[in-house]
Amino acid sequence: MSAFFLVLICVSLWALIPVVSKLGQVTLDNHQFLFWSSLISTAGLSVPLYTRRKTLKNYSIFDYGYMIFLGFLGTYFYYILLYYAYAKTHGIEVLILQYSWPLFTMLFSAIILKERLSFRRILSGFLGFVAVILVITGGRLSGLHIVKIDLVVIFAAFVFAMFSILSKDVNYDPFVLIFVYFGSAAVFSFISMMALSHPAVPAGGAWIPVVVNGLFVNGYSYLFWILALRRADASYVAPFVFITPVLSTMYLVLFMSERLSPVYGLSLSLIILSGLLNSRT
């Protein structure tokens, strides 16, 4: 399968995150939903990992500790915040703020990695910032009124950006790494479920979004992404990621009957343009 079709599969699956998050949390809360999804991801990823089981011996306790730390950031903490937000407010609003993570990544790259900020990157960051402000204010720029959910999503974007920066120079076997990521998320979400919520099993139709999210949206989509990167340059693959919020918006409008207001439409366009500018830097 070509890199192009692998990327399209990834983008189509990742775009389902808002829909499966909302449908999967009708009877579950964010801790329960993440636990079951991560457990299914881990079980599904154990199959391809079995064929590469000898690589498990190549890493030290420190290596596995660092993988678990990254898993805590990128597949537990990020998702526990994001799922909470999708369950509490309009999906399109969360989606736009969620894609502010490239803005934070750009800032962290300059501060932590000492990367040079070109004019194109500065413009990209400015467009992303304007998009976030438009969503927070609802287009009423006379006053800034930040609600709790907005802060939760912005912090989630902050966490994912930090995860991205810390993962930049990671050189572990991708199959091992992804398995540890979601295995970590399963463990951490079980702990938070027991401490902050209570055990619950998905009821009836709730299993469908849980399984789709665990097996495909979070699980195998990561492997498809890795295969795509191995078959094409990152500069070719990366811009396709910014189709995701467009598809997500279409899914939310079609399946969840959400309304795409002019402000959301403008903010979404700015986020996509910001991402494309940054990906071509």
Protein backbone atom coordinates (compact mmCIF):
# COMPACT_ATOMS: atom_id res chain seq x y z
CA MET A 1 0.00 0.00 0.00
CA SER A 2 1.35 3.45 -0.93
CA ALA A 3 2.21 6.16 1.59
CA PHE A 4 -0.60 8.29 0.21
CA PHE A 5 -3.32 5.73 1.04
CA LEU A 6 -1.77 4.93 4.42
CA VAL A 7 -1.87 8.62 5.36
CA LEU A 8 -5.47 8.95 4.17
CA ILE A 9 -6.43 6.00 6.40
CA CYS A 10 -4.70 7.65 9.37
CA VAL A 11 -6.33 11.02 8.78
CA SER A 12 -9.78 9.47 8.32
CA LEU A 13 -9.40 7.53 11.59
CA TRP A 14 -7.95 10.42 13.62
CA ALA A 15 -10.79 12.64 12.45
CA LEU A 16 -13.19 10.31 14.28
CA ILE A 17 -11.82 11.30 17.70
CA PRO A 18 -14.54 13.94 18.45
CA VAL A 19 -17.38 11.62 17.39
CA VAL A 20 -16.20 8.47 19.19
CA SER A 21 -15.34 10.59 22.26
CA LYS A 22 -18.90 11.88 22.46
CA LEU A 23 -20.63 8.59 21.63
CA GLY A 24 -18.36 6.56 23.89
CA GLN A 25 -18.99 8.79 26.89
CA VAL A 26 -22.79 8.63 26.87
CA THR A 27 -22.64 6.04 29.68
CA LEU A 28 -18.93 6.27 30.58
CA ASP A 29 -16.84 9.13 31.93
CA ASN A 30 -13.44 10.12 30.56
CA HIS A 31 -11.49 7.83 32.94
CA GLN A 32 -13.60 4.78 32.10
CA PHE A 33 -13.61 5.50 28.37
CA LEU A 34 -9.83 5.94 28.24
CA PHE A 35 -9.25 2.80 30.29
CA TRP A 36 -11.27 0.52 28.03
CA SER A 37 -9.97 2.15 24.86
CA SER A 38 -6.35 1.86 26.00
CA LEU A 39 -6.84 -1.74 27.12
CA ILE A 40 -8.18 -2.63 23.67
CA SER A 41 -5.32 -0.70 22.02
CA THR A 42 -2.76 -2.63 24.08
CA ALA A 43 -4.37 -5.99 23.28
CA GLY A 44 -4.55 -5.18 19.58
CA LEU A 45 -0.96 -3.94 19.39
CA SER A 46 0.34 -7.04 21.15
CA VAL A 47 -0.22 -9.02 17.93
CA PRO A 48 2.33 -7.17 15.73
CA LEU A 49 4.62 -6.77 18.76
CA TYR A 50 4.79 -10.56 19.15
CA THR A 51 6.60 -10.83 15.82
CA ARG A 52 9.24 -8.39 17.13
CA ARG A 53 9.42 -9.68 20.69
CA LYS A 54 13.22 -10.09 20.56
CA THR A 55 13.57 -6.29 20.44
CA LEU A 56 12.08 -6.06 23.95
CA LYS A 57 15.46 -7.15 25.34
CA ASN A 58 17.28 -4.26 23.65
CA TYR A 59 16.22 -1.63 26.17
CA SER A 60 17.18 -0.83 29.75
CA ILE A 61 14.93 -0.05 32.71
CA PHE A 62 15.72 3.63 32.09
CA ASP A 63 14.55 3.30 28.47
CA TYR A 64 11.26 1.74 29.52
CA GLY A 65 10.88 4.37 32.25
CA TYR A 66 11.22 7.13 29.67
CA MET A 67 8.74 5.40 27.34
CA ILE A 68 6.26 5.18 30.21
CA PHE A 69 6.78 8.86 31.03
CA LEU A 70 6.08 9.81 27.41
CA GLY A 71 3.06 7.50 27.44
CA PHE A 72 1.78 9.28 30.54
CA LEU A 73 1.98 12.63 28.73
CA GLY A 74 0.86 11.73 25.23
CA THR A 75 -1.59 8.86 25.60
CA TYR A 76 -2.92 9.33 29.13
CA PHE A 77 -2.83 12.94 30.34
CA TYR A 78 -3.55 14.47 26.92
CA TYR A 79 -6.49 12.16 26.23
CA ILE A 80 -7.98 12.30 29.72
CA LEU A 81 -8.25 16.09 29.34
CA LEU A 82 -9.44 15.94 25.74
CA TYR A 83 -12.15 13.34 26.39
CA TYR A 84 -13.40 15.35 29.34
CA ALA A 85 -13.74 18.42 27.13
CA TYR A 86 -15.51 16.58 24.30
CA ALA A 87 -18.03 15.21 26.78
CA LYS A 88 -18.79 18.66 28.23
CA THR A 89 -19.11 21.09 25.31
CA HIS A 90 -19.41 21.59 21.54
CA GLY A 91 -17.09 19.31 19.61
CA ILE A 92 -16.08 21.89 17.01
CA GLU A 93 -15.00 24.33 19.73
CA VAL A 94 -12.82 21.67 21.36
CA LEU A 95 -11.46 20.58 17.98
CA ILE A 96 -10.20 24.06 17.07
CA LEU A 97 -8.57 24.67 20.45
CA GLN A 98 -7.10 21.15 20.33
CA TYR A 99 -5.19 22.07 17.18
CA SER A 100 -3.42 24.90 18.95
CA TRP A 101 -0.78 22.31 19.91
CA PRO A 102 1.44 23.20 16.89
CA LEU A 103 1.58 26.77 18.28
CA PHE A 104 2.91 25.50 21.62
CA THR A 105 5.27 23.13 19.81
CA MET A 106 6.72 26.04 17.87
CA LEU A 107 7.27 28.02 21.09
CA PHE A 108 8.85 25.07 22.89
CA SER A 109 11.10 24.40 19.90
CA ALA A 110 12.49 27.92 20.21
CA ILE A 111 12.79 27.89 24.02
CA ILE A 112 13.86 24.30 24.73
CA LEU A 113 15.50 23.14 21.50
CA LYS A 114 16.85 26.59 20.57
CA GLU A 115 15.47 26.28 17.05
CA ARG A 116 15.39 29.44 14.96
CA LEU A 117 12.01 31.08 14.43
CA SER A 118 11.66 32.06 10.78
CA PHE A 119 9.16 34.63 9.55
CA ARG A 120 6.97 31.80 8.25
CA ARG A 121 6.89 30.17 11.69
CA ILE A 122 6.12 33.45 13.42
CA LEU A 123 3.26 34.05 10.97
CA SER A 124 2.05 30.49 11.56
CA GLY A 125 2.05 31.07 15.32
CA PHE A 126 0.21 34.37 14.96
CA LEU A 127 -2.56 32.78 12.85
CA GLY A 128 -2.93 29.96 15.37
CA PHE A 129 -3.12 32.48 18.21
CA VAL A 130 -5.82 34.50 16.41
CA ALA A 131 -7.84 31.31 15.85
CA VAL A 132 -7.71 30.47 19.57
CA ILE A 133 -8.76 34.01 20.55
CA LEU A 134 -11.69 33.90 18.10
CA VAL A 135 -12.96 30.64 19.62
CA ILE A 136 -12.55 31.83 23.21
CA THR A 137 -14.31 35.15 22.56
CA GLY A 138 -16.86 33.82 20.10
CA GLY A 139 -15.73 36.56 17.74
CA ARG A 140 -16.64 39.29 20.22
CA LEU A 141 -13.21 40.83 20.57
CA SER A 142 -14.42 43.57 22.92
CA GLY A 143 -13.88 41.27 25.86
CA LEU A 144 -12.00 38.08 26.67
CA HIS A 145 -14.07 35.56 28.58
CA ILE A 146 -12.29 32.26 29.16
CA VAL A 147 -14.39 29.35 30.44
CA LYS A 148 -13.12 26.30 32.27
CA ILE A 149 -13.43 23.92 29.30
CA ASP A 150 -11.38 26.25 27.09
CA LEU A 151 -8.58 26.17 29.65
CA VAL A 152 -8.77 22.37 29.84
CA VAL A 153 -8.38 22.01 26.06
CA ILE A 154 -5.61 24.61 25.84
CA PHE A 155 -3.75 22.80 28.63
CA ALA A 156 -4.25 19.51 26.76
CA ALA A 157 -2.68 21.12 23.68
CA PHE A 158 0.18 22.31 25.89
CA VAL A 159 0.70 18.74 27.16
CA PHE A 160 0.67 17.25 23.66
CA ALA A 161 3.17 19.86 22.46
CA MET A 162 5.49 18.95 25.34
CA PHE A 163 5.05 15.28 24.47
CA SER A 164 5.98 16.06 20.84
CA ILE A 165 9.10 18.00 21.82
CA LEU A 166 10.32 15.32 24.24
CA SER A 167 9.69 12.63 21.61
CA LYS A 168 11.73 14.42 18.96
CA ASP A 169 14.97 12.49 19.44
CA VAL A 170 13.46 9.20 20.62
CA ASN A 171 14.89 6.31 18.61
CA TYR A 172 13.14 3.24 20.03
CA ASP A 173 11.50 0.52 17.95
CA PRO A 174 8.12 2.03 17.01
CA PHE A 175 6.17 -1.16 17.69
CA VAL A 176 7.61 -1.42 21.20
CA LEU A 177 7.15 2.29 21.81
CA ILE A 178 3.48 2.42 20.81
CA PHE A 179 2.70 -0.73 22.81
CA VAL A 180 4.28 0.84 25.92
CA TYR A 181 2.46 4.12 25.27
CA PHE A 182 -1.00 2.56 25.31
CA GLY A 183 -0.11 0.02 27.97
CA SER A 184 0.91 2.97 30.16
CA ALA A 185 -2.35 4.75 29.35
CA ALA A 186 -4.30 1.64 30.38
CA VAL A 187 -2.49 1.47 33.73
CA PHE A 188 -2.70 5.20 34.49
CA SER A 189 -6.37 5.44 33.46
CA PHE A 190 -7.18 2.41 35.64
CA ILE A 191 -5.55 4.17 38.60
CA SER A 192 -7.41 7.44 37.96
CA MET A 193 -10.65 5.54 37.37
CA MET A 194 -10.35 3.85 40.76
CA ALA A 195 -9.28 7.06 42.51
CA LEU A 196 -11.50 9.66 40.83
CA SER A 197 -14.38 7.65 39.39
CA HIS A 198 -15.52 4.03 39.63
CA PRO A 199 -15.23 0.87 37.53
CA ALA A 200 -17.81 0.58 34.77
CA VAL A 201 -18.26 -1.65 31.73
CA PRO A 202 -19.53 -0.17 28.44
CA ALA A 203 -23.20 -1.00 28.01
CA GLY A 204 -24.75 -2.23 24.76
CA GLY A 205 -23.95 0.02 21.81
CA ALA A 206 -21.29 1.90 23.80
CA TRP A 207 -18.89 -0.92 22.96
CA ILE A 208 -18.81 0.15 19.30
CA PRO A 209 -17.13 3.58 19.78
CA VAL A 210 -14.87 2.12 22.51
CA VAL A 211 -13.62 -0.68 20.23
CA VAL A 212 -13.30 1.61 17.19
CA ASN A 213 -11.37 4.15 19.26
CA GLY A 214 -9.14 1.58 20.95
CA LEU A 215 -8.37 -0.64 18.01
CA PHE A 216 -8.27 1.78 15.09
CA VAL A 217 -8.33 5.47 16.06
CA ASN A 218 -5.66 5.09 18.75
CA GLY A 219 -4.14 1.69 18.01
CA TYR A 220 -3.41 0.64 14.47
CA SER A 221 -3.57 4.16 13.05
CA TYR A 222 -0.21 4.80 14.71
CA LEU A 223 1.30 1.81 12.91
CA PHE A 224 -0.15 3.00 9.58
CA TRP A 225 1.44 6.40 10.25
CA ILE A 226 4.84 4.84 10.90
CA LEU A 227 4.59 2.78 7.70
CA ALA A 228 3.67 5.94 5.76
CA LEU A 229 6.71 7.78 7.15
CA ARG A 230 8.93 4.89 6.11
CA ARG A 231 7.62 4.99 2.54
CA ALA A 232 7.70 8.75 1.98
CA ASP A 233 9.46 11.88 3.23
CA ALA A 234 8.02 13.53 6.34
CA SER A 235 7.72 16.79 4.39
CA TYR A 236 5.34 15.00 2.00
CA VAL A 237 3.32 13.26 4.70
CA ALA A 238 2.99 15.99 7.36
CA PRO A 239 0.69 18.45 5.53
CA PHE A 240 -1.96 15.74 5.16
CA VAL A 241 -2.45 15.86 8.95
CA PHE A 242 -4.22 19.19 8.58
CA ILE A 243 -7.02 17.53 6.64
CA THR A 244 -7.97 15.96 10.00
CA PRO A 245 -9.81 18.96 11.52
CA VAL A 246 -11.73 19.44 8.25
CA LEU A 247 -12.91 15.82 8.27
CA SER A 248 -13.61 16.00 12.02
CA THR A 249 -15.83 19.02 11.45
CA MET A 250 -17.69 17.19 8.68
CA TYR A 251 -18.20 14.17 10.96
CA LEU A 252 -19.50 16.37 13.80
CA VAL A 253 -21.93 18.20 11.52
CA LEU A 254 -23.16 14.99 9.84
CA PHE A 255 -23.27 12.57 12.79
CA MET A 256 -23.68 14.85 15.84
CA SER A 257 -25.76 17.61 14.17
CA GLU A 258 -23.40 20.32 15.40
CA ARG A 259 -23.60 23.78 13.87
CA LEU A 260 -20.58 25.28 12.13
CA SER A 261 -20.82 28.99 12.96
CA PRO A 262 -18.97 31.59 10.83
CA VAL A 263 -16.53 32.21 13.71
CA TYR A 264 -15.72 28.50 13.98
CA GLY A 265 -15.34 28.28 10.20
CA LEU A 266 -12.89 31.19 10.16
CA SER A 267 -10.95 29.81 13.14
CA LEU A 268 -10.75 26.38 11.53
CA SER A 269 -9.37 27.92 8.31
CA LEU A 270 -6.74 29.85 10.28
CA ILE A 271 -5.67 26.72 12.17
CA ILE A 272 -5.28 24.75 8.93
CA LEU A 273 -3.35 27.59 7.25
CA SER A 274 -1.16 27.93 10.34
CA GLY A 275 -0.34 24.24 10.30
CA LEU A 276 0.45 24.19 6.60
CA LEU A 277 2.76 27.18 6.94
CA ASN A 278 4.60 25.56 9.83
CA SER A 279 4.90 22.18 8.08
CA ARG A 280 6.61 23.81 5.11
CA THR A 281 9.14 25.75 7.21
